[in-house]
Amino acid sequence: VTPSQATVARLLAAADRNLVDASLPALSAENRFDAAYKAIMQAAMVALHTNGYRPLTSRPGHHQTAIQSLIHTIGLPADAVIVLDALRKQRNLSDYDGDPVSEKTVSDCIASAQALVKQVRDWLRTQRPDLL
């Protein structure tokens, strides 16, 4: 894809909104987790987009691709990608098997999402300021 400032702005704004929603105590743990996880995916999609890629969302595995490619797209350390991938697996268990999400997992997901959104913004400032 051709990277665009408008797409980057929309995805980052959506990630910010999801981080706000993830912090709403009135929501269930599952919904706060989902909101934080969405912010992770939106940040990962920004990283792919700014590098000229977009996974086919109609095919299985696009979440895994977006998360695992962060090593290459923004130079995220492997240990951070492992944490994000574990959150992806937890999201699958919650969504497809109905597994409950603990408050600890919710706070870990929110913290990881906040860190990733910041890292993507920092990467953009240094590597692709034209897209901010």
Protein backbone atom coordinates (compact mmCIF):
# COMPACT_ATOMS: atom_id res chain seq x y z
CA VAL A 1 0.00 0.00 0.00
CA THR A 2 1.00 3.61 -0.32
CA PRO A 3 1.37 5.02 3.20
CA SER A 4 -0.88 7.97 3.91
CA GLN A 5 -0.98 10.54 6.67
CA ALA A 6 -4.80 10.24 6.83
CA THR A 7 -4.70 6.48 7.47
CA VAL A 8 -2.03 6.86 10.14
CA ALA A 9 -4.06 9.61 11.84
CA ARG A 10 -7.28 7.55 11.77
CA LEU A 11 -5.62 4.44 13.19
CA LEU A 12 -3.78 6.33 15.93
CA ALA A 13 -6.97 8.20 16.89
CA ALA A 14 -8.84 4.89 17.06
CA ALA A 15 -6.07 3.40 19.23
CA ASP A 16 -6.30 6.41 21.56
CA ARG A 17 -10.09 6.03 21.84
CA ASN A 18 -9.70 2.33 22.61
CA LEU A 19 -7.16 3.07 25.33
CA VAL A 20 -9.67 5.46 26.93
CA ASP A 21 -12.39 2.79 26.74
CA ALA A 22 -10.03 0.15 28.18
CA SER A 23 -9.68 2.30 31.30
CA LEU A 24 -13.42 2.65 31.97
CA PRO A 25 -14.13 0.82 35.24
CA ALA A 26 -17.83 0.42 34.38
CA LEU A 27 -16.95 -1.97 31.55
CA SER A 28 -16.41 -5.68 32.14
CA ALA A 29 -12.89 -7.07 32.21
CA GLU A 30 -13.51 -8.74 28.84
CA ASN A 31 -14.59 -5.48 27.19
CA ARG A 32 -11.68 -3.51 28.67
CA PHE A 33 -9.31 -6.24 27.48
CA ASP A 34 -10.87 -6.18 24.00
CA ALA A 35 -10.50 -2.40 23.80
CA ALA A 36 -6.83 -2.54 24.84
CA TYR A 37 -6.17 -5.39 22.40
CA LYS A 38 -7.79 -3.38 19.60
CA ALA A 39 -5.37 -0.54 20.38
CA ILE A 40 -2.50 -3.01 20.03
CA MET A 41 -3.79 -4.14 16.65
CA GLN A 42 -4.34 -0.58 15.45
CA ALA A 43 -0.79 0.38 16.43
CA ALA A 44 0.55 -2.73 14.69
CA MET A 45 -1.45 -1.83 11.58
CA VAL A 46 0.09 1.66 11.63
CA ALA A 47 3.54 0.06 11.72
CA LEU A 48 2.69 -2.17 8.76
CA HIS A 49 0.99 0.62 6.83
CA THR A 50 3.90 3.04 7.20
CA ASN A 51 6.16 0.35 5.77
CA GLY A 52 3.87 -0.13 2.77
CA TYR A 53 2.02 -3.28 3.86
CA ARG A 54 -1.49 -4.30 4.81
CA PRO A 55 -2.39 -7.89 5.69
CA LEU A 56 -5.52 -9.39 4.20
CA THR A 57 -8.00 -9.12 7.07
CA SER A 58 -10.29 -11.64 5.38
CA ARG A 59 -7.73 -14.39 5.90
CA PRO A 60 -6.88 -16.09 9.18
CA GLY A 61 -3.61 -15.09 10.79
CA HIS A 62 -3.62 -11.36 10.12
CA HIS A 63 -3.46 -10.55 13.85
CA GLN A 64 -0.47 -12.84 14.27
CA THR A 65 1.21 -11.33 11.20
CA ALA A 66 0.65 -7.75 12.38
CA ILE A 67 2.03 -8.45 15.86
CA GLN A 68 4.97 -10.62 14.87
CA SER A 69 6.06 -8.21 12.12
CA LEU A 70 6.65 -5.45 14.71
CA ILE A 71 10.22 -6.75 15.02
CA HIS A 72 10.76 -5.72 11.40
CA THR A 73 8.43 -2.74 11.01
CA ILE A 74 9.50 -0.66 14.02
CA GLY A 75 12.32 -2.73 15.50
CA LEU A 76 10.32 -3.82 18.55
CA PRO A 77 12.39 -6.18 20.72
CA ALA A 78 11.48 -9.87 20.52
CA ASP A 79 10.56 -10.06 24.21
CA ALA A 80 7.91 -7.35 23.73
CA VAL A 81 6.53 -9.18 20.70
CA ILE A 82 6.29 -12.39 22.76
CA VAL A 83 4.16 -10.54 25.35
CA LEU A 84 1.90 -9.07 22.64
CA ASP A 85 1.54 -12.49 21.01
CA ALA A 86 0.53 -14.01 24.37
CA LEU A 87 -2.16 -11.33 24.64
CA ARG A 88 -3.33 -12.28 21.13
CA LYS A 89 -3.66 -15.90 22.24
CA GLN A 90 -5.57 -14.81 25.37
CA ARG A 91 -7.89 -12.75 23.17
CA ASN A 92 -8.59 -15.84 21.06
CA LEU A 93 -9.37 -17.92 24.16
CA SER A 94 -11.68 -15.22 25.47
CA ASP A 95 -13.45 -14.60 22.15
CA TYR A 96 -13.74 -18.16 20.87
CA ASP A 97 -13.82 -20.29 24.04
CA GLY A 98 -15.40 -17.86 26.50
CA ASP A 99 -12.41 -17.98 28.86
CA PRO A 100 -12.67 -15.28 31.53
CA VAL A 101 -10.12 -12.46 31.56
CA SER A 102 -8.51 -11.62 34.89
CA GLU A 103 -7.97 -8.07 36.12
CA LYS A 104 -4.21 -8.72 35.98
CA THR A 105 -4.47 -9.67 32.31
CA VAL A 106 -6.54 -6.55 31.62
CA SER A 107 -3.94 -4.31 33.29
CA ASP A 108 -1.11 -6.08 31.45
CA CYS A 109 -2.93 -5.61 28.14
CA ILE A 110 -3.60 -1.92 28.81
CA ALA A 111 0.05 -1.33 29.79
CA SER A 112 1.28 -3.18 26.69
CA ALA A 113 -1.12 -1.25 24.45
CA GLN A 114 -0.07 2.11 25.92
CA ALA A 115 3.60 1.22 25.48
CA LEU A 116 3.13 0.05 21.90
CA VAL A 117 1.14 3.11 20.83
CA LYS A 118 3.90 5.30 22.32
CA GLN A 119 6.62 3.24 20.61
CA VAL A 120 4.87 3.51 17.25
CA ARG A 121 4.50 7.29 17.66
CA ASP A 122 8.16 7.60 18.67
CA TRP A 123 9.21 5.52 15.66
CA LEU A 124 7.08 7.69 13.37
CA ARG A 125 8.65 10.88 14.77
CA THR A 126 12.16 9.64 13.96
CA GLN A 127 11.61 7.46 10.88
CA ARG A 128 8.47 8.77 9.12
CA PRO A 129 7.67 12.28 10.39
CA ASP A 130 6.05 12.96 7.01
CA LEU A 131 3.20 10.66 8.05
CA LEU A 132 2.40 12.45 11.32
